[in-house]
């Protein structure tokens, strides 16, 4: 009989052939061993009444060690109501002097020297993202919007506040010819854009699917989905022709991922789901051209369109279903927008970034 086979048989019998190992019941051995480990672990544990801390402060080479005392009966932390949002009117562009003093990571998060096109930039979220681009160092900003009066006003105001070159083009994002001509004019004036932020869109809400007018359905799909494609196509075509890297940001919605409650808005939800998939598809196609395409999907936002008496009852429900218990402020997308537009996200494409106060956690 081989040594291995003999060992196997003795193990099956519950003993070993070694005279130095006593026969100990398995259960007794396990309990003894666990108790030993628990006692050893207790000795090595840090007392729960204090937490060791080492601080390395400026001007001190060696670390300063101290402890933080832990109170066994910690006071209950209350969930505070968020402060009332105060909209900032100032726009302070990043200057070259400040940019050159920034460390590498902060430079990569800026938009210094970039040309940006923002659709739907005359008001609301698009306008605030345009302001954020100016503050992040954009060289010039081009606003596309269908509203002549609001567009002219927004462009003039942004120029007055920043001193930057700002252009406004009255463009309906359903009009492919107007988009092509306008993008070509931008290229001639400013060069090929570095960034497109496509925030133009509309919402039809509180309309039952069985009663939805076909013409309204087609109009919403045309603006939200087809418009996103036409703008991306025109800007992407210019980037590809110039062999210029770029970032395209499509504004979708959490409604492309979940069904909203209590309002009925099947068309809007479908259009935003289409925008998310469009972004992924363009990202896959254009990655070889070093063009990144990502989505921002906001939750309920406190825009002017939502500040109407008819929506007050629904807004209470929306807040109650949002862990942060509030609607998004009009500038809550700005940081994410700058991140996606900047080189800080240069290895990121085809992503859909949900920013909804936690709504989709439930």
Protein backbone atom coordinates (compact mmCIF):
# COMPACT_ATOMS: atom_id res chain seq x y z
CA UNK A 1 0.00 0.00 0.00
CA UNK A 2 1.37 3.42 -0.93
CA UNK A 3 2.06 6.05 1.72
CA UNK A 4 -0.56 8.40 0.26
CA UNK A 5 -3.25 5.68 0.24
CA UNK A 6 -2.38 4.65 3.81
CA UNK A 7 -2.65 8.29 4.97
CA UNK A 8 -5.98 8.68 3.20
CA UNK A 9 -7.42 5.57 4.89
CA UNK A 10 -6.27 6.58 8.36
CA UNK A 11 -7.76 10.05 7.87
CA UNK A 12 -11.09 8.50 6.89
CA UNK A 13 -10.92 6.40 10.05
CA UNK A 14 -10.58 9.58 12.11
CA UNK A 15 -6.94 9.03 13.22
CA UNK A 16 -3.45 9.62 11.92
CA UNK A 17 -0.53 7.22 12.17
CA UNK A 18 1.72 9.80 13.83
CA UNK A 19 2.23 8.95 17.51
CA UNK A 20 2.83 12.62 18.38
CA UNK A 21 -0.73 13.65 17.55
CA UNK A 22 -3.34 12.78 20.17
CA UNK A 23 -6.87 11.83 19.23
CA UNK A 24 -8.96 14.92 19.94
CA UNK A 25 -12.64 15.18 19.03
CA UNK A 26 -13.00 17.54 16.12
CA UNK A 27 -15.67 19.63 17.81
CA UNK A 28 -13.58 20.06 20.97
CA UNK A 29 -10.53 21.07 18.93
CA UNK A 30 -12.50 23.64 16.92
CA UNK A 31 -14.03 25.22 20.02
CA UNK A 32 -10.67 25.41 21.78
CA UNK A 33 -9.03 26.89 18.71
CA UNK A 34 -11.79 29.49 18.22
CA UNK A 35 -11.67 30.51 21.87
CA UNK A 36 -7.90 30.93 21.59
CA UNK A 37 -8.27 33.10 18.49
CA UNK A 38 -10.97 35.18 20.13
CA UNK A 39 -8.83 35.77 23.22
CA UNK A 40 -5.86 36.70 21.05
CA UNK A 41 -8.03 39.01 18.97
CA UNK A 42 -9.34 40.74 22.10
CA UNK A 43 -5.80 41.50 23.21
CA UNK A 44 -4.93 43.03 19.83
CA UNK A 45 -8.09 45.08 19.45
CA UNK A 46 -8.05 48.86 19.84
CA UNK A 47 -10.22 49.96 22.77
CA UNK A 48 -13.49 51.28 21.41
CA UNK A 49 -13.41 54.29 23.74
CA UNK A 50 -10.67 56.04 21.77
CA UNK A 51 -9.48 56.29 18.17
CA UNK A 52 -5.74 56.82 17.45
CA UNK A 53 -5.01 59.77 15.16
CA UNK A 54 -1.79 60.94 13.52
CA UNK A 55 -1.75 64.48 12.10
CA UNK A 56 0.87 65.69 9.65
CA UNK A 57 0.58 69.47 9.75
CA UNK A 58 2.41 72.05 7.66
CA UNK A 59 5.81 72.90 9.10
CA UNK A 60 6.08 69.73 11.20
CA UNK A 61 8.11 66.86 9.79
CA UNK A 62 7.10 64.24 12.35
CA UNK A 63 3.51 63.21 12.80
CA UNK A 64 1.63 64.42 15.85
CA UNK A 65 -0.17 61.53 17.55
CA UNK A 66 -3.27 61.90 19.69
CA UNK A 67 -6.62 60.23 20.25
CA UNK A 68 -10.27 61.01 19.65
CA UNK A 69 -12.57 59.88 22.43
CA UNK A 70 -15.64 57.87 21.47
CA UNK A 71 -18.80 58.50 23.44
CA UNK A 72 -20.77 55.31 23.96
CA UNK A 73 -24.07 57.18 23.94
CA UNK A 74 -23.52 59.26 20.83
CA UNK A 75 -26.12 61.98 20.28
CA UNK A 76 -28.64 61.32 17.54
CA UNK A 77 -27.69 63.19 14.38
CA UNK A 78 -30.65 65.02 12.90
CA UNK A 79 -31.22 65.28 9.17
CA UNK A 80 -31.08 69.02 8.61
CA UNK A 81 -33.21 70.75 6.03
CA UNK A 82 -30.99 71.93 3.16
CA UNK A 83 -30.39 75.68 3.07
CA UNK A 84 -32.47 77.80 0.73
CA UNK A 85 -30.74 77.99 -2.64
CA UNK A 86 -29.44 81.41 -3.66
CA UNK A 87 -28.81 81.71 -7.38
CA UNK A 88 -25.52 83.44 -8.16
CA UNK A 89 -25.59 86.22 -10.74
CA UNK A 90 -21.82 86.62 -10.98
CA UNK A 91 -19.76 84.79 -13.62
CA UNK A 92 -16.00 84.88 -13.04
CA UNK A 93 -13.98 83.40 -15.91
CA UNK A 94 -10.80 81.46 -15.23
CA UNK A 95 -7.86 83.65 -16.25
CA UNK A 96 -4.57 82.53 -17.78
CA UNK A 97 -2.61 83.68 -14.71
CA UNK A 98 -4.73 81.56 -12.39
CA UNK A 99 -4.74 78.61 -14.81
CA UNK A 100 -0.96 78.55 -15.02
CA UNK A 101 -0.73 78.36 -11.23
CA UNK A 102 -3.04 75.36 -10.97
CA UNK A 103 -1.63 71.89 -10.25
CA UNK A 104 -1.92 69.27 -12.99
CA UNK A 105 -5.14 67.67 -11.73
CA UNK A 106 -6.97 70.99 -11.48
CA UNK A 107 -5.77 72.03 -14.94
CA UNK A 108 -7.20 68.83 -16.39
CA UNK A 109 -10.58 69.71 -14.83
CA UNK A 110 -10.70 73.10 -16.53
CA UNK A 111 -11.90 74.02 -20.01
CA UNK A 112 -9.19 76.55 -20.62
CA UNK A 113 -8.90 77.55 -24.27
CA UNK A 114 -11.83 75.44 -25.49
CA UNK A 115 -14.61 76.41 -27.89
CA UNK A 116 -18.05 75.24 -26.74
CA UNK A 117 -21.45 74.97 -28.41
CA UNK A 118 -24.46 74.78 -26.08
CA UNK A 119 -27.91 74.01 -27.47
CA UNK A 120 -30.88 75.21 -25.45
CA UNK A 121 -28.47 77.70 -23.92
CA UNK A 122 -30.82 80.67 -23.79
CA UNK A 123 -32.29 79.71 -20.42
CA UNK A 124 -32.56 77.05 -17.75
CA UNK A 125 -30.03 74.27 -17.33
CA UNK A 126 -28.34 74.94 -20.67
CA UNK A 127 -27.74 78.58 -19.79
CA UNK A 128 -26.22 77.67 -16.44
CA UNK A 129 -23.95 75.10 -18.06
CA UNK A 130 -22.81 77.78 -20.52
CA UNK A 131 -21.95 80.04 -17.57
CA UNK A 132 -20.05 77.20 -15.94
CA UNK A 133 -18.02 76.72 -19.12
CA UNK A 134 -17.05 80.39 -19.00
CA UNK A 135 -15.96 80.10 -15.38
CA UNK A 136 -13.97 76.96 -16.21
CA UNK A 137 -11.93 78.84 -18.80
CA UNK A 138 -13.69 78.36 -22.14
CA UNK A 139 -12.23 80.57 -24.87
CA UNK A 140 -15.55 81.29 -26.50
CA UNK A 141 -19.13 80.04 -26.24
CA UNK A 142 -21.75 79.60 -28.93
CA UNK A 143 -25.42 79.37 -27.96
CA UNK A 144 -27.93 77.58 -30.19
CA UNK A 145 -31.58 78.15 -29.32
CA UNK A 146 -34.92 78.45 -31.11
CA UNK A 147 -35.98 81.56 -29.16
CA UNK A 148 -34.57 84.70 -30.77
CA UNK A 149 -35.35 87.12 -27.94
CA UNK A 150 -34.11 84.93 -25.10
CA UNK A 151 -31.07 83.86 -27.10
CA UNK A 152 -29.97 87.41 -27.84
CA UNK A 153 -30.53 88.39 -24.21
CA UNK A 154 -28.58 85.41 -22.85
CA UNK A 155 -25.63 85.94 -25.18
CA UNK A 156 -25.45 89.67 -24.43
CA UNK A 157 -25.64 89.07 -20.69
CA UNK A 158 -22.93 86.38 -20.73
CA UNK A 159 -20.65 88.61 -22.79
CA UNK A 160 -21.20 91.56 -20.46
CA UNK A 161 -20.40 89.47 -17.40
CA UNK A 162 -17.34 87.69 -18.80
CA UNK A 163 -15.92 89.77 -21.63
CA UNK A 164 -15.65 86.55 -23.66
CA UNK A 165 -16.64 86.24 -27.32
CA UNK A 166 -20.21 84.86 -27.26
CA UNK A 167 -22.32 84.08 -30.31
CA UNK A 168 -26.00 83.23 -30.59
CA UNK A 169 -27.50 81.30 -33.51
CA UNK A 170 -31.26 81.00 -33.80
CA UNK A 171 -31.49 77.32 -34.62
CA UNK A 172 -34.31 74.81 -34.33
CA UNK A 173 -32.63 71.47 -33.61
CA UNK A 174 -35.11 69.74 -35.93
CA UNK A 175 -33.71 71.66 -38.91
CA UNK A 176 -30.75 69.72 -40.31
CA UNK A 177 -29.89 72.35 -42.92
CA UNK A 178 -29.86 75.18 -40.35
CA UNK A 179 -27.71 73.10 -38.01
CA UNK A 180 -25.17 72.29 -40.73
CA UNK A 181 -24.90 75.91 -41.87
CA UNK A 182 -24.58 77.19 -38.30
CA UNK A 183 -21.89 74.69 -37.30
CA UNK A 184 -19.94 75.54 -40.46
CA UNK A 185 -20.20 79.24 -39.59
CA UNK A 186 -18.91 78.51 -36.07
CA UNK A 187 -15.97 76.58 -37.49
CA UNK A 188 -15.13 79.48 -39.78
CA UNK A 189 -15.30 82.01 -36.94
CA UNK A 190 -13.84 80.09 -33.98
CA UNK A 191 -12.37 76.90 -35.41
CA UNK A 192 -13.69 73.38 -34.87
CA UNK A 193 -15.47 73.23 -31.50
CA UNK A 194 -13.94 71.19 -28.69
CA UNK A 195 -17.22 70.55 -26.89
CA UNK A 196 -20.91 70.18 -27.70
CA UNK A 197 -23.42 70.31 -24.86
CA UNK A 198 -26.82 69.31 -26.21
CA UNK A 199 -29.42 70.41 -23.66
CA UNK A 200 -32.22 71.46 -26.02
CA UNK A 201 -35.39 69.56 -25.27
CA UNK A 202 -39.05 69.73 -24.31
CA UNK A 203 -41.36 67.74 -22.05
CA UNK A 204 -45.00 66.75 -22.49
CA UNK A 205 -46.28 65.50 -19.18
CA UNK A 206 -49.55 64.37 -17.58
CA UNK A 207 -50.85 62.98 -20.86
CA UNK A 208 -52.26 59.45 -20.90
CA UNK A 209 -50.75 57.19 -23.55
CA UNK A 210 -54.16 56.27 -24.98
CA UNK A 211 -54.95 59.96 -25.49
CA UNK A 212 -51.55 61.10 -26.77
CA UNK A 213 -51.83 63.12 -29.97
CA UNK A 214 -49.67 61.61 -32.73
CA UNK A 215 -48.43 65.01 -33.93
CA UNK A 216 -47.34 65.92 -30.39
CA UNK A 217 -45.57 62.59 -30.04
CA UNK A 218 -43.63 63.10 -33.27
CA UNK A 219 -42.73 66.68 -32.33
CA UNK A 220 -41.26 65.65 -28.98
CA UNK A 221 -39.27 62.76 -30.47
CA UNK A 222 -38.04 65.10 -33.21
CA UNK A 223 -36.74 67.70 -30.74
CA UNK A 224 -35.38 65.45 -28.00
CA UNK A 225 -34.00 62.51 -29.95
CA UNK A 226 -33.65 63.51 -33.60
CA UNK A 227 -32.33 66.93 -32.57
CA UNK A 228 -29.66 65.29 -30.39
CA UNK A 229 -28.60 63.16 -33.35
CA UNK A 230 -28.51 66.02 -35.86
CA UNK A 231 -26.41 68.26 -33.56
CA UNK A 232 -24.03 65.42 -32.71
CA UNK A 233 -23.73 64.47 -36.37
CA UNK A 234 -22.87 68.01 -37.51
CA UNK A 235 -20.33 68.66 -34.75
CA UNK A 236 -18.91 65.13 -34.92
CA UNK A 237 -18.47 65.47 -38.67
CA UNK A 238 -16.45 68.67 -38.19
CA UNK A 239 -14.27 67.07 -35.50
CA UNK A 240 -13.61 64.00 -37.66
CA UNK A 241 -12.74 66.10 -40.73
CA UNK A 242 -10.27 68.15 -38.70
CA UNK A 243 -8.94 65.08 -36.85
CA UNK A 244 -9.62 66.95 -33.65
CA UNK A 245 -10.45 65.22 -30.33
CA UNK A 246 -13.66 66.37 -28.70
CA UNK A 247 -16.33 65.79 -26.10
CA UNK A 248 -20.05 65.59 -26.86
CA UNK A 249 -22.47 65.69 -23.93
CA UNK A 250 -26.12 64.77 -24.41
CA UNK A 251 -28.60 65.75 -21.73
CA UNK A 252 -30.96 62.82 -21.23
CA UNK A 253 -32.95 62.17 -18.05
CA UNK A 254 -33.48 59.64 -15.29
CA UNK A 255 -36.79 59.19 -17.14
CA UNK A 256 -34.83 57.20 -19.69
CA UNK A 257 -34.20 54.62 -16.96
CA UNK A 258 -37.31 54.68 -14.75
CA UNK A 259 -41.01 55.40 -15.16
CA UNK A 260 -41.91 58.60 -13.33
CA UNK A 261 -44.69 58.81 -10.76
CA UNK A 262 -47.39 60.04 -10.58
CA UNK A 263 -47.41 61.79 -13.96
CA UNK A 264 -47.94 59.95 -17.23
CA UNK A 265 -45.34 60.86 -19.88
CA UNK A 266 -44.65 57.82 -22.04
CA UNK A 267 -43.31 59.82 -24.99
CA UNK A 268 -40.83 61.85 -22.94
CA UNK A 269 -39.54 58.72 -21.22
CA UNK A 270 -39.10 56.95 -24.54
CA UNK A 271 -37.27 59.92 -26.08
CA UNK A 272 -34.77 60.09 -23.21
CA UNK A 273 -34.15 56.35 -23.30
CA UNK A 274 -33.36 56.85 -26.97
CA UNK A 275 -30.90 59.65 -26.16
CA UNK A 276 -29.01 57.40 -23.74
CA UNK A 277 -28.69 54.62 -26.32
CA UNK A 278 -27.77 57.14 -29.01
CA UNK A 279 -24.89 58.38 -26.85
CA UNK A 280 -23.59 54.85 -26.32
CA UNK A 281 -23.81 54.09 -30.03
CA UNK A 282 -22.02 57.27 -31.09
CA UNK A 283 -19.40 56.71 -28.40
CA UNK A 284 -18.65 53.24 -29.79
CA UNK A 285 -18.44 54.53 -33.37
CA UNK A 286 -16.37 57.63 -32.74
CA UNK A 287 -13.94 56.35 -30.10
CA UNK A 288 -11.48 55.65 -32.92
CA UNK A 289 -11.63 59.37 -33.76
CA UNK A 290 -10.89 60.34 -30.14
CA UNK A 291 -14.39 61.81 -29.79
CA UNK A 292 -16.08 61.03 -26.50
CA UNK A 293 -19.86 60.94 -26.11
CA UNK A 294 -21.49 60.81 -22.68
CA UNK A 295 -24.89 61.51 -21.12
CA UNK A 296 -26.07 63.53 -18.16
CA UNK A 297 -29.38 62.23 -16.80
CA UNK A 298 -30.89 64.72 -14.33
CA UNK A 299 -33.65 64.02 -11.89
CA UNK A 300 -36.32 66.57 -11.01
CA UNK A 301 -34.84 70.04 -11.36
CA UNK A 302 -36.09 73.35 -10.00
CA UNK A 303 -36.22 75.12 -13.35
CA UNK A 304 -38.57 77.92 -14.32
CA UNK A 305 -40.71 75.41 -16.24
CA UNK A 306 -41.38 73.54 -12.99
CA UNK A 307 -42.18 76.67 -10.96
CA UNK A 308 -45.87 76.76 -11.79
CA UNK A 309 -48.82 76.39 -9.37
CA UNK A 310 -50.24 73.44 -11.32
CA UNK A 311 -47.22 71.30 -10.41
CA UNK A 312 -47.05 72.08 -6.68
CA UNK A 313 -48.88 68.91 -5.62
CA UNK A 314 -46.71 66.72 -7.83
CA UNK A 315 -43.52 68.43 -6.65
CA UNK A 316 -44.33 67.40 -3.08
CA UNK A 317 -44.53 63.78 -4.27
CA UNK A 318 -41.30 64.11 -6.26
CA UNK A 319 -39.46 65.43 -3.22
CA UNK A 320 -40.87 62.71 -0.97
CA UNK A 321 -39.52 60.06 -3.38
CA UNK A 322 -36.06 61.67 -3.50
CA UNK A 323 -33.66 60.76 -0.65
CA UNK A 324 -32.24 64.31 -0.57
CA UNK A 325 -35.83 65.60 -0.22
CA UNK A 326 -35.44 68.41 -2.74
CA UNK A 327 -35.39 69.21 -6.43
CA UNK A 328 -32.07 69.86 -8.12
CA UNK A 329 -30.88 73.46 -8.28
CA UNK A 330 -30.36 74.94 -11.74
CA UNK A 331 -26.58 74.81 -11.30
CA UNK A 332 -26.39 71.28 -9.84
CA UNK A 333 -25.39 69.85 -13.23
CA UNK A 334 -22.51 72.29 -13.72
CA UNK A 335 -19.76 70.32 -12.02
CA UNK A 336 -20.62 67.10 -13.87
CA UNK A 337 -20.87 68.98 -17.15
CA UNK A 338 -17.39 70.49 -16.74
CA UNK A 339 -15.96 67.12 -15.73
CA UNK A 340 -17.35 65.41 -18.86
CA UNK A 341 -16.28 68.28 -21.12
CA UNK A 342 -12.75 68.48 -19.71
CA UNK A 343 -9.70 66.26 -20.00
CA UNK A 344 -10.39 64.96 -16.49
CA UNK A 345 -12.76 62.43 -18.10
CA UNK A 346 -10.63 61.59 -21.14
CA UNK A 347 -10.93 57.81 -20.54
CA UNK A 348 -14.69 58.03 -20.18
CA UNK A 349 -17.10 57.53 -23.06
CA UNK A 350 -20.50 55.93 -23.54
CA UNK A 351 -21.43 56.60 -19.91
CA UNK A 352 -24.78 57.75 -18.60
CA UNK A 353 -24.29 59.78 -15.43
CA UNK A 354 -27.43 59.98 -13.28
CA UNK A 355 -27.62 63.06 -11.06
CA UNK A 356 -30.99 62.91 -9.31
CA UNK A 357 -30.59 63.41 -5.57
CA UNK A 358 -30.89 59.66 -5.13
CA UNK A 359 -34.32 59.27 -6.76
CA UNK A 360 -33.35 56.10 -8.65
CA UNK A 361 -32.03 54.45 -5.45
CA UNK A 362 -35.59 53.45 -4.55
